Amino acid sequence: MPMRRPLCALLLFTGCLTAVAPAAAHDPLPTYDRVRLSASEGRDVDSDTLVATLYKEHQATQQATAADEVNRDVTWAIEQAKAAGVRVQTAAYRTQPVYQKLHIQGWRVHQSIRLETGDSAKMASLLGDLQQRLSIQSLHNALSEHARKQAEEELLVAALQAFQQRAGLIASTLGRAGHRIVEVAIDGSGASPPVPMAMRATHAAGSLQAVAPPSIEGGTLRVQVRVSGTVELEAASP
């Protein structure tokens, strides 16, 4: 019996060491001489797409009358756009009561459509036709998905090279033997917000009177890519 007590104590002590060792192995490694930096590249890209938003709004004493007028003209506009080979999709549709002295005196119905094409001449001609019944809400230049991705990929290469060069410059200036990249984050800001084209507002009166097409001029959009991250500097050169 007396010999068993030291053996139990030894086993208990060994078990404690075994339990502590794995915990120490998971402790985070010390970090030092880390620098955060960023680099960005951007350029102006010629727009290759035109986007227009048109709407039809009608007010009548009866809701059905107002809706029928809007539905007919929007359906007509969609058919015209498809026939011209322009991408079209419907947008917001709203039905609102018109009040006078807290009583409903009529109904106002509103619907928008969105047009998109890379052919400026085709867009101008179509808008001239559609303004017989619809009004233009906005018109602006844009970048197609293909043009934006191509520009971003080219800028990404340049931004990564600039990031690497900046990290090397910091290391050499501080007299370090080199550096290693710890983490990198890439932010593609995409194209800058489109700038609406200056144009005079028009209001379709529901007549079929011919309307001169709006003036359309191409432009550029800014595409930018930013690379940021952390580098760890090596020890100073001997």
Protein backbone atom coordinates (compact mmCIF):
# COMPACT_ATOMS: atom_id res chain seq x y z
CA MET A 1 0.00 0.00 0.00
CA PRO A 2 2.74 2.65 0.79
CA MET A 3 4.31 2.13 -2.68
CA ARG A 4 1.13 2.96 -4.55
CA ARG A 5 0.77 6.56 -3.40
CA PRO A 6 3.94 7.96 -5.14
CA LEU A 7 3.01 6.04 -8.29
CA CYS A 8 -0.45 7.64 -8.33
CA ALA A 9 1.09 11.05 -7.79
CA LEU A 10 3.54 10.48 -10.67
CA LEU A 11 0.76 9.41 -13.02
CA LEU A 12 -1.31 12.45 -12.05
CA PHE A 13 1.63 14.80 -12.69
CA THR A 14 2.33 13.19 -16.07
CA GLY A 15 -1.33 13.60 -17.03
CA CYS A 16 -1.17 17.30 -16.23
CA LEU A 17 1.84 17.75 -18.50
CA THR A 18 0.05 15.89 -21.28
CA ALA A 19 -3.02 18.13 -20.95
CA VAL A 20 -0.98 21.35 -20.94
CA ALA A 21 1.24 20.55 -23.91
CA PRO A 22 -1.48 20.55 -26.64
CA ALA A 23 -2.92 23.79 -25.29
CA ALA A 24 0.45 25.50 -25.60
CA ALA A 25 0.79 24.23 -29.16
CA HIS A 26 -2.33 26.15 -30.19
CA ASP A 27 -1.14 29.49 -28.87
CA PRO A 28 -0.89 32.05 -31.71
CA LEU A 29 2.58 32.75 -33.01
CA PRO A 30 3.94 36.18 -32.13
CA THR A 31 3.67 38.74 -34.92
CA TYR A 32 5.97 41.71 -35.44
CA ASP A 33 7.07 44.22 -38.05
CA ARG A 34 3.83 44.05 -39.99
CA VAL A 35 2.77 46.89 -42.27
CA ARG A 36 -0.62 47.57 -43.85
CA LEU A 37 -0.59 49.17 -47.27
CA SER A 38 -2.72 49.56 -50.39
CA ALA A 39 -2.39 50.31 -54.10
CA SER A 40 -4.98 51.18 -56.72
CA GLU A 41 -5.17 51.49 -60.47
CA GLY A 42 -7.89 53.09 -62.59
CA ARG A 43 -8.62 54.33 -66.05
CA ASP A 44 -11.40 55.84 -68.15
CA VAL A 45 -13.14 53.31 -70.40
CA ASP A 46 -15.25 54.21 -73.41
CA SER A 47 -18.90 53.43 -72.76
CA ASP A 48 -20.39 50.81 -75.05
CA THR A 49 -23.99 50.72 -73.83
CA LEU A 50 -26.90 53.14 -73.66
CA VAL A 51 -29.61 52.79 -71.01
CA ALA A 52 -32.90 54.67 -71.14
CA THR A 53 -35.85 54.66 -68.77
CA LEU A 54 -39.26 55.75 -70.06
CA TYR A 55 -42.61 55.92 -68.34
CA LYS A 56 -46.30 56.27 -68.99
CA GLU A 57 -48.57 57.97 -66.49
CA HIS A 58 -52.29 58.58 -66.81
CA GLN A 59 -54.95 59.89 -64.48
CA ALA A 60 -58.71 59.26 -64.73
CA THR A 61 -61.75 59.22 -62.51
CA GLN A 62 -61.99 55.44 -62.87
CA GLN A 63 -59.08 53.18 -61.93
CA ALA A 64 -59.79 50.80 -64.81
CA THR A 65 -59.70 53.65 -67.32
CA ALA A 66 -56.32 54.89 -66.10
CA ALA A 67 -54.87 51.38 -66.03
CA ASP A 68 -56.16 50.56 -69.50
CA GLU A 69 -54.51 53.67 -70.99
CA VAL A 70 -51.14 52.89 -69.38
CA ASN A 71 -51.25 49.17 -70.19
CA ARG A 72 -52.04 49.77 -73.84
CA ASP A 73 -49.25 52.31 -74.39
CA VAL A 74 -46.62 50.33 -72.47
CA THR A 75 -47.49 47.17 -74.40
CA TRP A 76 -47.15 49.15 -77.63
CA ALA A 77 -43.75 50.50 -76.53
CA ILE A 78 -42.47 47.02 -75.65
CA GLU A 79 -43.47 45.73 -79.08
CA GLN A 80 -41.69 48.65 -80.77
CA ALA A 81 -38.50 48.01 -78.77
CA LYS A 82 -38.48 44.29 -79.54
CA ALA A 83 -39.05 44.97 -83.24
CA ALA A 84 -36.06 47.35 -83.21
CA GLY A 85 -33.81 44.75 -81.57
CA VAL A 86 -33.39 46.69 -78.31
CA ARG A 87 -33.39 44.89 -74.94
CA VAL A 88 -36.42 45.91 -72.91
CA GLN A 89 -37.78 45.09 -69.48
CA THR A 90 -40.65 46.44 -67.43
CA ALA A 91 -39.95 48.31 -64.20
CA ALA A 92 -42.07 50.00 -61.53
CA TYR A 93 -45.86 49.87 -61.74
CA ARG A 94 -47.86 52.07 -59.37
CA THR A 95 -51.55 52.75 -58.83
CA GLN A 96 -52.36 55.69 -56.53
CA PRO A 97 -55.60 57.35 -55.51
CA VAL A 98 -55.98 61.09 -56.14
CA TYR A 99 -57.55 62.89 -53.18
CA GLN A 100 -59.45 66.13 -52.93
CA LYS A 101 -60.70 67.19 -49.51
CA LEU A 102 -60.08 63.69 -48.11
CA HIS A 103 -62.19 62.06 -50.82
CA ILE A 104 -60.94 60.00 -53.75
CA GLN A 105 -61.55 61.96 -56.92
CA GLY A 106 -59.59 59.77 -59.32
CA TRP A 107 -56.74 57.36 -59.90
CA ARG A 108 -53.21 57.78 -61.22
CA VAL A 109 -51.41 54.83 -62.81
CA HIS A 110 -47.68 54.85 -63.62
CA GLN A 111 -45.38 52.27 -65.25
CA SER A 112 -41.74 52.41 -66.39
CA ILE A 113 -39.73 50.42 -68.89
CA ARG A 114 -35.95 50.08 -69.26
CA LEU A 115 -34.20 49.98 -72.64
CA GLU A 116 -30.60 48.90 -73.27
CA THR A 117 -28.53 48.68 -76.44
CA GLY A 118 -25.02 49.24 -77.76
CA ASP A 119 -26.28 50.96 -80.91
CA SER A 120 -26.69 54.70 -80.27
CA ALA A 121 -28.36 55.37 -83.64
CA LYS A 122 -30.90 52.64 -83.00
CA MET A 123 -31.62 53.97 -79.51
CA ALA A 124 -32.08 57.55 -80.74
CA SER A 125 -34.49 56.47 -83.47
CA LEU A 126 -36.49 54.27 -81.08
CA LEU A 127 -36.76 57.01 -78.46
CA GLY A 128 -38.10 59.40 -81.07
CA ASP A 129 -40.85 56.89 -81.86
CA LEU A 130 -41.67 56.01 -78.26
CA GLN A 131 -41.98 59.65 -77.22
CA GLN A 132 -45.20 59.75 -79.17
CA ARG A 133 -46.84 58.02 -76.19
CA LEU A 134 -44.24 57.75 -73.41
CA SER A 135 -41.95 60.22 -71.65
CA ILE A 136 -38.20 59.83 -71.09
CA GLN A 137 -37.24 59.70 -67.43
CA SER A 138 -33.47 59.19 -67.83
CA LEU A 139 -30.82 58.43 -70.44
CA HIS A 140 -27.19 57.61 -69.68
CA ASN A 141 -24.06 55.83 -70.90
CA ALA A 142 -22.98 52.56 -69.29
CA LEU A 143 -20.50 49.70 -69.61
CA SER A 144 -21.47 46.22 -70.68
CA GLU A 145 -20.58 43.35 -68.35
CA HIS A 146 -17.90 42.15 -70.78
CA ALA A 147 -16.22 45.57 -71.06
CA ARG A 148 -16.27 46.12 -67.30
CA LYS A 149 -14.79 42.68 -66.49
CA GLN A 150 -12.07 43.04 -69.12
CA ALA A 151 -11.05 46.44 -67.74
CA GLU A 152 -11.09 45.17 -64.14
CA GLU A 153 -8.91 42.15 -64.97
CA GLU A 154 -6.30 44.33 -66.67
CA LEU A 155 -6.33 46.82 -63.80
CA LEU A 156 -6.08 44.02 -61.23
CA VAL A 157 -2.75 42.87 -62.68
CA ALA A 158 -1.41 46.44 -62.54
CA ALA A 159 -2.71 46.97 -58.99
CA LEU A 160 -1.11 43.75 -57.71
CA GLN A 161 2.20 44.72 -59.29
CA ALA A 162 1.98 48.16 -57.68
CA PHE A 163 1.21 46.54 -54.31
CA GLN A 164 4.21 44.25 -54.60
CA GLN A 165 6.51 47.10 -55.63
CA ARG A 166 5.30 49.26 -52.74
CA ALA A 167 5.90 46.45 -50.26
CA GLY A 168 9.44 45.97 -51.64
CA LEU A 169 10.09 49.70 -51.44
CA ILE A 170 9.07 49.78 -47.78
CA ALA A 171 11.29 46.79 -46.95
CA SER A 172 14.35 48.20 -48.74
CA THR A 173 13.90 51.68 -47.29
CA LEU A 174 13.80 50.26 -43.76
CA GLY A 175 16.87 48.14 -44.44
CA ARG A 176 15.08 44.80 -44.30
CA ALA A 177 16.21 41.72 -46.17
CA GLY A 178 12.80 41.18 -47.70
CA HIS A 179 9.12 40.72 -46.94
CA ARG A 180 6.29 38.24 -47.19
CA ILE A 181 2.63 38.91 -47.89
CA VAL A 182 0.38 37.94 -44.98
CA GLU A 183 -3.01 38.83 -46.46
CA VAL A 184 -4.46 40.57 -49.50
CA ALA A 185 -7.91 42.00 -50.17
CA ILE A 186 -9.14 43.04 -53.62
CA ASP A 187 -11.86 45.61 -54.13
CA GLY A 188 -13.22 46.10 -57.63
CA SER A 189 -15.19 49.33 -57.45
CA GLY A 190 -16.55 48.77 -60.95
CA ALA A 191 -17.55 51.62 -63.17
CA SER A 192 -18.25 55.05 -61.76
CA PRO A 193 -21.92 55.99 -61.42
CA PRO A 194 -23.40 56.92 -64.81
CA VAL A 195 -23.85 60.60 -65.49
CA PRO A 196 -27.29 61.36 -66.92
CA MET A 197 -27.20 63.01 -70.31
CA ALA A 198 -28.34 66.61 -70.36
CA MET A 199 -31.66 66.72 -72.14
CA ARG A 200 -34.89 68.64 -72.15
CA ALA A 201 -37.78 66.94 -70.41
CA THR A 202 -40.56 65.79 -72.68
CA HIS A 203 -44.12 64.89 -71.83
CA ALA A 204 -46.07 62.65 -74.13
CA ALA A 205 -49.65 63.76 -74.52
CA GLY A 206 -50.88 60.49 -75.93
CA SER A 207 -50.91 61.77 -79.50
CA LEU A 208 -49.12 60.14 -82.42
CA GLN A 209 -47.35 63.34 -83.45
CA ALA A 210 -43.79 62.66 -84.61
CA VAL A 211 -41.07 63.60 -82.11
CA ALA A 212 -37.46 64.43 -83.01
CA PRO A 213 -35.03 61.90 -81.48
CA PRO A 214 -32.88 63.11 -78.57
CA SER A 215 -29.20 63.96 -79.10
CA ILE A 216 -26.92 61.16 -77.89
CA GLU A 217 -23.18 61.57 -77.36
CA GLY A 218 -20.81 58.82 -76.18
CA GLY A 219 -18.61 59.19 -73.11
CA THR A 220 -16.25 57.41 -70.73
CA LEU A 221 -16.68 55.81 -67.33
CA ARG A 222 -14.02 55.42 -64.65
CA VAL A 223 -13.12 51.84 -63.65
CA GLN A 224 -10.90 51.33 -60.60
CA VAL A 225 -9.44 48.36 -58.71
CA ARG A 226 -7.89 48.61 -55.23
CA VAL A 227 -5.59 46.09 -53.55
CA SER A 228 -4.93 46.30 -49.82
CA GLY A 229 -3.28 43.96 -47.37
CA THR A 230 -0.59 43.26 -44.80
CA VAL A 231 3.08 42.39 -45.29
CA GLU A 232 5.56 41.18 -42.72
CA LEU A 233 9.10 42.53 -42.94
CA GLU A 234 12.04 40.21 -42.55
CA ALA A 235 14.91 40.89 -40.18
CA ALA A 236 17.33 43.68 -41.02
CA SER A 237 20.15 42.83 -43.37
CA PRO A 238 23.44 42.12 -41.54
